[in-house]
Amino acid sequence: MSTRTLAWTRRYIERGYAPIPVPAGEKNPGRPGWEALRITEEEIPNYWTNGQNVGLLCGKPSADRVDVDLDPDEAVKIAGRFLPPTLTSGRESRPHSH
């Protein structure tokens, strides 16, 4: 596990998010019961063992936080008019599309 992934995963847990491992290059966690995972800081090394990305469970597991997927460029441009300031993420080419 990279130190960067470890640091971000810990940071998410500290902020009240529920992180889960997602295989690199995938969107699906690919494991039975992933919806029920509640990983603690101590358990992080047990789950991120092979270059997995960090996914976040939405809703109740993450204090009712949701993901807004801003696919069109226009949506990214006007999101600040409709959505409160919050954590954003995305690919390098579209860093604030979620």
Protein backbone atom coordinates (compact mmCIF):
# COMPACT_ATOMS: atom_id res chain seq x y z
CA MET A 1 0.00 0.00 0.00
CA SER A 2 1.37 3.38 -0.92
CA THR A 3 1.89 5.86 1.87
CA ARG A 4 -0.35 8.31 -0.02
CA THR A 5 -3.23 5.81 -0.16
CA LEU A 6 -2.72 4.98 3.51
CA ALA A 7 -2.76 8.67 4.47
CA TRP A 8 -5.91 9.44 2.47
CA THR A 9 -7.74 6.38 3.77
CA ARG A 10 -6.94 7.37 7.35
CA ARG A 11 -7.98 10.96 6.63
CA TYR A 12 -11.34 9.79 5.25
CA ILE A 13 -12.01 7.69 8.36
CA GLU A 14 -11.08 10.62 10.62
CA ARG A 15 -13.58 12.79 8.71
CA GLY A 16 -16.38 10.29 9.23
CA TYR A 17 -16.36 8.65 5.80
CA ALA A 18 -16.58 4.88 5.28
CA PRO A 19 -13.79 3.92 2.84
CA ILE A 20 -13.72 0.60 0.99
CA PRO A 21 -11.08 -0.92 -1.30
CA VAL A 22 -11.86 -0.98 -5.03
CA PRO A 23 -9.60 -2.89 -7.45
CA ALA A 24 -7.41 -0.58 -9.56
CA GLY A 25 -9.14 0.42 -12.78
CA GLU A 26 -12.55 -0.79 -11.58
CA LYS A 27 -15.68 0.89 -10.26
CA ASN A 28 -17.15 -2.19 -8.61
CA PRO A 29 -15.63 -3.28 -5.27
CA GLY A 30 -15.86 -6.86 -6.54
CA ARG A 31 -16.41 -8.58 -3.23
CA PRO A 32 -19.53 -9.96 -1.56
CA GLY A 33 -20.78 -7.86 1.33
CA TRP A 34 -18.90 -4.69 0.38
CA GLU A 35 -21.94 -2.61 1.38
CA ALA A 36 -21.53 -3.75 4.97
CA LEU A 37 -17.79 -3.02 5.30
CA ARG A 38 -16.90 -0.60 8.08
CA ILE A 39 -13.11 -0.52 8.08
CA THR A 40 -11.23 0.95 11.04
CA GLU A 41 -7.84 2.65 10.89
CA GLU A 42 -6.22 -0.44 12.34
CA GLU A 43 -7.72 -2.64 9.60
CA ILE A 44 -6.57 -0.51 6.64
CA PRO A 45 -3.45 -2.64 5.89
CA ASN A 46 -5.64 -5.79 5.79
CA TYR A 47 -7.80 -4.43 2.97
CA TRP A 48 -5.42 -2.36 0.81
CA THR A 49 -2.90 -5.04 -0.12
CA ASN A 50 -2.62 -4.92 -3.90
CA GLY A 51 -2.79 -1.38 -5.29
CA GLN A 52 -6.51 -0.92 -4.71
CA ASN A 53 -8.15 2.47 -5.03
CA VAL A 54 -10.16 4.04 -2.23
CA GLY A 55 -13.93 4.10 -2.66
CA LEU A 56 -16.34 5.71 -0.22
CA LEU A 57 -19.68 4.33 0.85
CA CYS A 58 -22.43 6.91 0.52
CA GLY A 59 -25.41 7.50 2.77
CA LYS A 60 -25.65 6.39 6.38
CA PRO A 61 -22.18 4.75 6.60
CA SER A 62 -20.61 8.12 5.74
CA ALA A 63 -22.85 10.37 7.85
CA ASP A 64 -25.44 10.70 5.06
CA ARG A 65 -22.98 12.10 2.54
CA VAL A 66 -23.74 11.54 -1.14
CA ASP A 67 -21.84 11.68 -4.43
CA VAL A 68 -22.99 14.04 -7.16
CA ASP A 69 -21.64 12.85 -10.51
CA LEU A 70 -21.08 15.90 -12.74
CA ASP A 71 -20.58 14.36 -16.18
CA PRO A 72 -21.23 17.33 -18.51
CA ASP A 73 -18.70 20.19 -18.49
CA GLU A 74 -21.58 22.61 -17.93
CA ALA A 75 -22.54 20.81 -14.71
CA VAL A 76 -19.01 21.19 -13.33
CA LYS A 77 -19.05 24.91 -14.18
CA ILE A 78 -22.33 25.68 -12.38
CA ALA A 79 -22.16 23.18 -9.50
CA GLY A 80 -21.08 25.88 -7.05
CA ARG A 81 -24.37 27.71 -7.64
CA PHE A 82 -26.41 24.70 -6.51
CA LEU A 83 -24.23 22.59 -4.23
CA PRO A 84 -22.62 23.54 -0.90
CA PRO A 85 -18.81 23.70 -0.66
CA THR A 86 -17.54 20.20 0.04
CA LEU A 87 -14.89 17.61 -0.73
CA THR A 88 -14.48 17.10 -4.49
CA SER A 89 -12.71 14.43 -6.48
CA GLY A 90 -12.28 13.09 -9.98
CA ARG A 91 -9.71 12.10 -12.57
CA GLU A 92 -6.69 14.26 -13.31
CA SER A 93 -8.45 15.60 -16.42
CA ARG A 94 -11.68 16.38 -14.47
CA PRO A 95 -10.61 16.90 -10.85
CA HIS A 96 -13.93 18.28 -9.55
CA SER A 97 -16.44 16.07 -11.39
CA HIS A 98 -17.63 14.38 -8.15
